Protein backbone atom coordinates (compact mmCIF):
# COMPACT_ATOMS: atom_id res chain seq x y z
CA MET A 1 -0.01 0.04 -0.03
CA ASP A 2 0.94 3.62 -0.48
CA PHE A 3 1.47 5.45 3.08
CA HIS A 4 1.20 8.93 1.59
CA LEU A 5 -1.97 10.46 2.18
CA SER A 6 -4.24 11.50 -0.93
CA GLU A 7 -4.69 15.24 -1.76
CA GLU A 8 -8.31 14.85 -0.31
CA GLN A 9 -7.17 13.22 2.80
CA LYS A 10 -4.44 15.93 3.39
CA MET A 11 -7.13 18.61 2.88
CA LEU A 12 -9.53 16.60 5.14
CA LYS A 13 -6.59 16.51 7.80
CA GLU A 14 -5.66 20.16 7.58
CA SER A 15 -9.14 21.55 7.62
CA ALA A 16 -10.27 19.15 10.58
CA ARG A 17 -7.08 20.37 12.69
CA ASP A 18 -7.96 24.04 11.78
CA PHE A 19 -11.81 23.54 12.78
CA LEU A 20 -10.80 21.78 16.16
CA GLN A 21 -8.41 24.20 17.21
CA MET A 22 -10.83 26.96 16.85
CA GLU A 23 -14.09 24.85 17.96
CA CYS A 24 -12.66 22.49 20.64
CA PRO A 25 -9.90 24.02 22.73
CA LYS A 26 -9.06 22.54 25.95
CA THR A 27 -11.31 24.78 27.91
CA PHE A 28 -14.07 23.54 26.10
CA VAL A 29 -13.03 19.83 26.55
CA ARG A 30 -12.73 20.33 30.51
CA GLU A 31 -16.19 22.08 30.35
CA MET A 32 -17.69 19.14 28.46
CA GLU A 33 -16.19 16.79 31.06
CA LYS A 34 -18.44 18.55 33.61
CA ASP A 35 -21.43 19.02 31.54
CA PRO A 36 -24.29 16.30 31.91
CA LYS A 37 -24.52 15.85 28.14
CA GLY A 38 -21.06 15.97 27.35
CA TYR A 39 -21.27 17.82 24.06
CA THR A 40 -23.15 20.70 22.53
CA PRO A 41 -25.79 20.61 19.98
CA GLU A 42 -24.13 23.53 18.12
CA LEU A 43 -20.82 22.03 17.56
CA TRP A 44 -22.47 18.73 16.54
CA ARG A 45 -24.54 20.73 13.89
CA LYS A 46 -21.40 22.37 12.80
CA MET A 47 -19.65 18.90 12.27
CA ALA A 48 -22.68 17.64 10.27
CA ASN A 49 -22.51 20.53 7.96
CA LEU A 50 -18.92 19.60 7.20
CA GLY A 51 -19.93 16.03 6.37
CA TRP A 52 -18.08 14.30 9.13
CA MET A 53 -21.16 12.37 10.21
CA GLY A 54 -21.42 10.78 6.75
CA ILE A 55 -17.77 10.61 5.66
CA VAL A 56 -18.04 6.87 5.63
CA PHE A 57 -21.35 6.39 4.05
CA PRO A 58 -22.28 6.21 0.40
CA GLU A 59 -23.81 9.29 -1.34
CA GLU A 60 -27.27 7.59 -1.66
CA TYR A 61 -27.65 7.53 2.13
CA GLY A 62 -26.70 11.21 2.44
CA GLY A 63 -23.07 10.28 2.94
CA ILE A 64 -19.99 11.64 1.09
CA GLY A 65 -18.73 8.23 -0.12
CA GLY A 66 -15.37 8.08 1.75
CA ASP A 67 -13.75 4.98 2.98
CA PHE A 68 -12.69 3.60 6.48
CA LEU A 69 -9.15 5.13 5.63
CA ASP A 70 -10.59 8.68 5.29
CA LEU A 71 -12.52 8.13 8.50
CA LEU A 72 -9.31 6.93 10.43
CA VAL A 73 -7.85 10.40 9.43
CA LEU A 74 -10.42 12.25 10.92
CA LEU A 75 -10.47 10.27 13.94
CA GLU A 76 -6.83 10.82 14.23
CA GLU A 77 -7.32 14.43 14.71
CA MET A 78 -10.21 14.05 16.91
CA GLY A 79 -7.98 12.09 19.19
CA ARG A 80 -5.50 15.08 19.09
CA ALA A 81 -8.08 17.54 19.97
CA CYS A 82 -9.61 15.31 22.68
CA LEU A 83 -13.09 15.75 20.86
CA PRO A 84 -15.87 15.15 23.52
CA GLY A 85 -19.23 13.80 22.39
CA PRO A 86 -20.86 11.07 20.73
CA PHE A 87 -19.32 10.93 17.27
CA PHE A 88 -17.47 7.44 17.89
CA SER A 89 -20.53 5.77 19.31
CA THR A 90 -22.65 7.12 16.55
CA VAL A 91 -20.70 6.92 13.29
CA VAL A 92 -18.35 4.12 14.26
CA LEU A 93 -20.24 1.97 16.53
CA GLY A 94 -23.68 2.41 15.11
CA GLY A 95 -23.42 3.60 11.57
CA LEU A 96 -20.87 0.99 10.46
CA SER A 97 -22.95 -1.60 12.01
CA ILE A 98 -26.00 -0.74 10.03
CA LEU A 99 -23.71 -0.27 6.78
CA GLU A 100 -22.39 -3.83 7.46
CA ALA A 101 -25.49 -5.54 8.44
CA GLY A 102 -28.73 -3.39 7.77
CA THR A 103 -31.43 -4.18 5.40
CA GLU A 104 -32.01 -1.20 2.48
CA SER A 105 -34.87 0.17 4.48
CA GLN A 106 -32.72 0.20 7.90
CA LYS A 107 -29.87 2.08 5.74
CA LYS A 108 -32.27 4.73 4.36
CA GLU A 109 -33.82 5.46 7.70
CA PHE A 110 -30.77 5.39 9.94
CA LEU A 111 -27.87 6.28 7.80
CA THR A 112 -29.22 9.30 6.32
CA LYS A 113 -30.39 10.55 9.90
CA ILE A 114 -26.95 10.00 11.19
CA ALA A 115 -25.35 11.63 8.01
CA SER A 116 -27.46 14.71 8.58
CA GLY A 117 -26.64 14.97 12.31
CA ASP A 118 -30.28 14.37 13.21
CA LEU A 119 -29.53 10.95 15.06
CA ILE A 120 -27.36 9.93 17.91
CA LEU A 121 -26.67 6.13 18.15
CA THR A 122 -24.66 3.93 20.36
CA LEU A 123 -24.00 0.18 20.94
CA ALA A 124 -24.82 -1.59 24.12
CA HIS A 125 -22.47 -4.73 24.16
CA ILE A 126 -20.37 -5.23 27.16
CA GLU A 127 -21.63 -6.79 30.32
CA SER A 128 -20.69 -6.93 34.02
CA ALA A 129 -20.01 -10.69 33.69
CA THR A 130 -17.10 -9.65 31.67
CA ARG A 131 -13.70 -9.89 33.74
CA GLN A 132 -11.52 -10.06 30.75
CA PHE A 133 -12.62 -9.03 27.23
CA ASP A 134 -14.71 -11.30 25.53
CA PRO A 135 -16.94 -10.05 22.89
CA TYR A 136 -19.24 -13.02 22.97
CA LEU A 137 -19.69 -13.35 26.82
CA ILE A 138 -23.32 -12.32 26.19
CA ASP A 139 -25.96 -13.24 28.66
CA VAL A 140 -28.73 -10.29 28.20
CA ARG A 141 -31.63 -12.54 26.84
CA ALA A 142 -34.01 -11.57 23.99
CA LEU A 143 -37.13 -14.02 24.24
CA ALA A 144 -39.45 -14.31 21.39
CA GLU A 145 -42.85 -13.43 21.63
CA GLN A 146 -45.72 -12.57 19.28
CA ASN A 147 -44.27 -10.09 16.36
CA GLY A 148 -41.05 -9.45 18.43
CA TYR A 149 -38.86 -10.09 21.26
CA LEU A 150 -38.65 -9.08 25.01
CA ILE A 151 -35.01 -8.08 26.15
CA ASP A 152 -33.94 -8.51 29.81
CA GLY A 153 -30.63 -7.66 31.47
CA ILE A 154 -27.92 -5.05 32.18
CA LYS A 155 -25.25 -3.51 29.99
CA ILE A 156 -22.23 -1.39 31.16
CA PHE A 157 -19.96 0.97 29.62
CA VAL A 158 -22.53 1.83 26.96
CA PRO A 159 -20.97 5.11 25.47
CA ASP A 160 -23.61 8.25 25.18
CA ALA A 161 -26.72 6.19 26.09
CA HIS A 162 -27.93 9.41 27.87
CA VAL A 163 -28.31 11.18 24.55
CA ALA A 164 -28.99 8.25 22.23
CA LYS A 165 -32.07 8.06 20.42
CA PHE A 166 -31.60 4.63 19.25
CA MET A 167 -29.32 1.68 20.85
CA ILE A 168 -28.06 -1.37 18.98
CA CYS A 169 -28.35 -4.11 21.85
CA VAL A 170 -26.25 -7.24 21.43
CA ALA A 171 -28.35 -10.07 22.98
CA ARG A 172 -28.65 -13.76 23.03
CA THR A 173 -31.49 -15.43 21.42
CA LYS A 174 -30.03 -19.05 21.79
CA GLY A 175 -27.00 -20.89 22.99
CA GLU A 176 -24.36 -20.70 25.97
CA MET A 177 -23.54 -17.53 27.62
CA ASP A 178 -19.86 -17.53 25.69
CA SER A 179 -20.65 -18.85 22.38
CA LYS A 180 -20.29 -16.83 19.32
CA GLU A 181 -23.65 -18.55 17.91
CA GLY A 182 -26.96 -17.49 18.89
CA ILE A 183 -26.13 -13.54 19.07
CA THR A 184 -28.66 -11.15 17.66
CA LEU A 185 -28.33 -7.47 17.13
CA PHE A 186 -31.48 -5.30 17.94
CA LEU A 187 -32.19 -1.81 16.78
CA ILE A 188 -34.02 -0.43 19.93
CA ASP A 189 -35.75 2.80 20.35
CA ALA A 190 -33.78 4.35 23.35
CA ARG A 191 -37.25 5.72 24.89
CA SER A 192 -38.78 2.67 24.97
CA PRO A 193 -40.60 1.48 28.09
CA GLY A 194 -38.38 -0.58 30.35
CA ILE A 195 -35.05 1.21 29.59
CA LYS A 196 -33.36 2.96 32.34
CA TRP A 197 -29.85 4.35 32.39
CA GLU A 198 -27.42 5.85 34.86
CA LEU A 199 -24.04 7.60 34.33
CA LEU A 200 -20.82 5.98 35.38
CA LYS A 201 -17.83 7.74 36.91
CA THR A 202 -14.90 7.00 34.56
CA VAL A 203 -11.32 7.64 34.36
CA ALA A 204 -11.55 9.65 31.05
CA ARG A 205 -14.62 11.46 32.29
CA ASP A 206 -16.43 10.52 29.10
CA LYS A 207 -20.12 9.67 29.18
CA GLN A 208 -20.46 5.88 29.75
CA CYS A 209 -23.68 4.41 30.90
CA GLU A 210 -25.08 1.32 32.76
CA VAL A 211 -28.40 0.63 31.07
CA LEU A 212 -31.30 -1.56 32.58
CA PHE A 213 -33.48 -3.33 29.94
CA GLN A 214 -36.72 -4.66 31.78
CA LYS A 215 -38.86 -6.57 29.45
CA VAL A 216 -38.31 -4.20 26.61
CA ARG A 217 -40.32 -4.89 23.58
CA VAL A 218 -38.49 -4.92 20.10
CA PRO A 219 -40.64 -5.77 16.91
CA GLN A 220 -38.88 -8.41 14.86
CA GLU A 221 -38.27 -5.89 11.80
CA ASN A 222 -35.61 -4.24 14.13
CA ILE A 223 -33.36 -6.99 13.94
CA LEU A 224 -29.71 -6.20 12.30
CA GLY A 225 -27.95 -8.64 10.39
CA GLY A 226 -30.49 -11.52 10.97
CA LEU A 227 -31.69 -13.88 13.61
CA ASP A 228 -28.84 -15.53 15.56
CA ARG A 229 -26.37 -14.20 13.21
CA GLY A 230 -24.80 -11.20 15.00
CA GLY A 231 -21.70 -12.91 16.35
CA SER A 232 -20.06 -12.45 12.60
CA VAL A 233 -21.35 -8.88 12.58
CA LEU A 234 -19.85 -8.15 15.92
CA GLU A 235 -16.62 -9.52 15.07
CA LYS A 236 -16.37 -7.33 11.96
CA LEU A 237 -17.42 -4.17 13.84
CA LEU A 238 -14.95 -4.67 16.72
CA GLN A 239 -12.09 -5.01 14.13
CA LYS A 240 -13.13 -1.45 12.77
CA ALA A 241 -13.87 0.02 16.23
CA ALA A 242 -10.44 -1.31 17.45
CA ILE A 243 -8.42 0.56 14.53
CA ALA A 244 -10.83 3.71 14.86
CA LYS A 245 -9.61 3.75 18.61
CA CYS A 246 -6.00 3.28 17.24
CA GLY A 247 -6.70 6.56 15.25
CA GLU A 248 -7.84 8.51 18.35
CA MET A 249 -4.85 7.31 20.28
CA ILE A 250 -2.11 8.05 17.50
CA GLY A 251 -3.80 11.52 17.36
CA GLY A 252 -3.39 11.94 21.13
CA ALA A 253 -0.01 10.56 21.49
CA GLN A 254 1.22 12.90 18.45
CA PHE A 255 -0.18 15.90 20.47
CA VAL A 256 1.63 15.00 23.60
CA LEU A 257 4.94 14.58 21.84
CA ASP A 258 4.42 18.11 20.02
CA MET A 259 3.72 19.49 23.35
CA CYS A 260 6.86 18.17 25.13
CA VAL A 261 9.24 19.00 22.18
CA SER A 262 7.85 22.68 22.64
CA TYR A 263 8.37 22.71 26.40
CA ALA A 264 11.87 20.96 26.16
CA LYS A 265 12.78 24.14 23.86
CA GLU A 266 11.39 26.55 26.37
CA ARG A 267 12.26 25.12 30.03
CA GLU A 268 15.33 25.71 31.44
CA GLN A 269 17.24 23.93 34.22
CA PHE A 270 20.72 24.23 35.63
CA GLY A 271 21.27 27.09 33.28
CA LYS A 272 20.42 24.94 30.09
CA LEU A 273 17.31 24.15 28.08
CA ILE A 274 16.07 20.67 28.94
CA GLY A 275 15.90 19.96 25.08
CA THR A 276 19.60 19.75 25.36
CA PHE A 277 20.04 16.98 27.84
CA GLN A 278 20.41 13.41 26.54
CA ALA A 279 17.70 11.88 28.57
CA VAL A 280 15.04 14.42 27.29
CA GLN A 281 16.14 14.04 23.72
CA HIS A 282 15.86 10.06 24.11
CA HIS A 283 12.45 10.44 25.79
CA CYS A 284 11.29 12.32 22.66
CA ALA A 285 12.90 9.93 20.25
CA ASN A 286 11.42 6.84 21.80
CA MET A 287 8.03 8.75 21.88
CA LEU A 288 8.37 9.32 17.99
CA ILE A 289 9.28 5.57 17.47
CA ASN A 290 6.10 4.57 19.29
CA ILE A 291 3.96 6.90 17.51
CA GLU A 292 5.35 6.19 13.88
CA GLY A 293 5.12 2.35 14.59
CA GLY A 294 1.36 2.56 15.58
CA ARG A 295 0.48 4.94 12.91
CA TYR A 296 1.92 2.70 10.18
CA ILE A 297 0.54 -0.58 11.38
CA SER A 298 -2.79 0.96 12.18
CA TYR A 299 -3.12 2.71 8.74
CA LYS A 300 -2.17 -0.80 6.90
CA ALA A 301 -4.86 -2.34 8.86
CA ALA A 302 -7.36 0.36 7.95
CA TRP A 303 -6.48 0.29 4.29
CA MET A 304 -6.97 -3.60 4.40
CA LEU A 305 -10.50 -2.95 6.09
CA SER A 306 -11.32 -0.45 3.41
CA ASN A 307 -10.58 -3.00 0.59
CA GLY A 308 -12.23 -5.98 2.24
CA ILE A 309 -8.89 -7.79 2.74
CA PRO A 310 -8.88 -10.17 5.82
CA CYS A 311 -6.72 -8.54 8.41
CA LYS A 312 -7.32 -10.33 11.71
CA ARG A 313 -3.63 -10.49 12.74
CA GLN A 314 -3.04 -6.93 11.34
CA VAL A 315 -5.95 -5.55 13.53
CA ALA A 316 -4.67 -7.19 16.54
CA LEU A 317 -1.02 -6.28 16.01
CA ALA A 318 -2.08 -2.49 15.64
CA LYS A 319 -4.62 -2.73 18.83
CA ALA A 320 -2.14 -4.56 20.95
CA TRP A 321 1.02 -2.02 19.93
CA VAL A 322 -0.53 1.28 20.19
CA SER A 323 -2.65 0.31 23.39
CA ASP A 324 0.75 0.07 25.07
CA ALA A 325 2.38 2.86 23.08
CA TYR A 326 -0.16 5.58 23.98
CA LYS A 327 0.88 4.73 27.80
CA ARG A 328 4.30 4.94 26.96
CA VAL A 329 4.20 8.13 25.33
CA VAL A 330 2.16 9.99 27.90
CA GLY A 331 4.42 8.35 30.71
CA LEU A 332 7.66 9.57 29.09
CA GLY A 333 5.49 12.79 28.62
CA HIS A 334 4.82 13.29 32.43
CA GLN A 335 8.73 12.57 33.00
CA ILE A 336 9.54 15.47 30.66
CA MET A 337 6.91 17.98 32.13
CA ALA A 338 7.73 16.64 35.74
CA GLY A 339 5.09 18.25 38.34
CA THR A 340 4.07 20.67 36.00
CA GLY A 341 2.44 17.86 33.56
CA TYR A 342 0.34 16.79 37.03
CA MET A 343 -1.31 19.82 37.51
CA GLU A 344 -4.99 19.45 36.74
CA GLU A 345 -4.97 22.66 34.91
CA HIS A 346 -2.45 21.26 32.59
CA ASP A 347 -3.26 19.48 29.13
CA MET A 348 -1.13 16.51 29.98
CA PRO A 349 -3.85 14.65 32.43
CA LEU A 350 -6.34 15.00 29.73
CA TYR A 351 -4.10 12.80 27.39
CA SER A 352 -2.77 10.55 30.28
CA ARG A 353 -6.39 9.85 31.44
CA ARG A 354 -7.73 9.20 27.92
CA ALA A 355 -4.78 6.53 27.19
CA LYS A 356 -5.65 4.51 30.07
CA ALA A 357 -9.31 4.15 28.85
CA ALA A 358 -8.37 3.65 25.44
CA GLU A 359 -6.15 1.06 26.33
CA ILE A 360 -8.88 -1.28 27.61
CA ALA A 361 -11.38 -0.36 25.03
CA PHE A 362 -12.59 -3.03 22.59
CA GLY A 363 -9.87 -5.36 24.09
CA ASP A 364 -6.47 -4.48 25.84
CA ALA A 365 -3.05 -5.53 24.41
CA ASN A 366 -2.92 -8.77 26.39
CA TYR A 367 -6.24 -9.69 24.45
CA TYR A 368 -4.94 -9.00 21.12
CA LYS A 369 -1.53 -10.54 21.77
CA LYS A 370 -3.45 -13.90 22.35
CA ILE A 371 -5.03 -13.37 18.96
CA VAL A 372 -1.45 -12.79 17.48
CA ALA A 373 -0.16 -15.68 19.04
CA LYS A 374 -2.96 -17.90 17.59
CA GLU A 375 -2.65 -16.53 14.23
CA ILE A 376 0.96 -17.43 13.95
CA GLY A 377 0.16 -21.02 14.92
CA LEU A 378 1.02 -21.02 18.79
């Protein structure tokens, strides 16, 4: 593959950076951490007007016809800016699920509304029984009734459920709790009777919810991807979600490096700029090595996903590396910044907290290292 960005992708990257520098300063990020919604409709509308919500959707559904690689370019800039709000949950988790597995009527109904900014969507997947990440450890049940299903159970760490209009609920319609078979995805109106949510306190201070489903009725036509066939849809979605999260992490890590290099050129100690000290230089070099390595393997995986090439190993390599690399980068950044970087008013804690949260999102490094080991025959 060609690792150079196309002219269109360069323009997207530059315009996104300029827009987010103006519309999403760190003061805004901190405000949204305390805000009950976690985003503003004004910024959401501006992003929709730029075409960001439909970047990866075909034009017939109101999108701009981009591919997954274009989405990764945009997500890197969002990670750099620590953009708050439901973009990831709506476009990546919700939109890509419907694009992959939805019927034509579902695509027309939901993707057009996502692309226009009129619909916030999320994925209810993780359950409290999950001690270690296992995408198929699903115990929330969907029991068949006349013309539909009744869903019972609890989901945790559901992003932006408090503002979502619809949720894609991963439920079990048959089989054992840890089986890939017998999983079904349901499109559920988030205002349906029997749904209750509660915001959770998280290390990244993002908006994650615990969602209770109590005999929630869902019509049969709201099944996404076919009855009992949600496991394969979920597998493809989580591959894309993992690489999308890598894009965010790479953007955040790049900002940390840029911030540390600028600081090292200004901060004096023992009568010298700290950037002249070999230890600081080596820290910055190691940060760049971590970032560039993560960027290339992530973009390779994104290119393979865009072209429909099987890339289970490449996705696992990328998420395993970037999960650890982002932590290493912020750790070195804290060493360069010293006590200054631990102040709540400083930007460094914004990134170190997000690095910890992103590390375990959609599976941590250990989970993906097991996949890599299996892929090479161990």
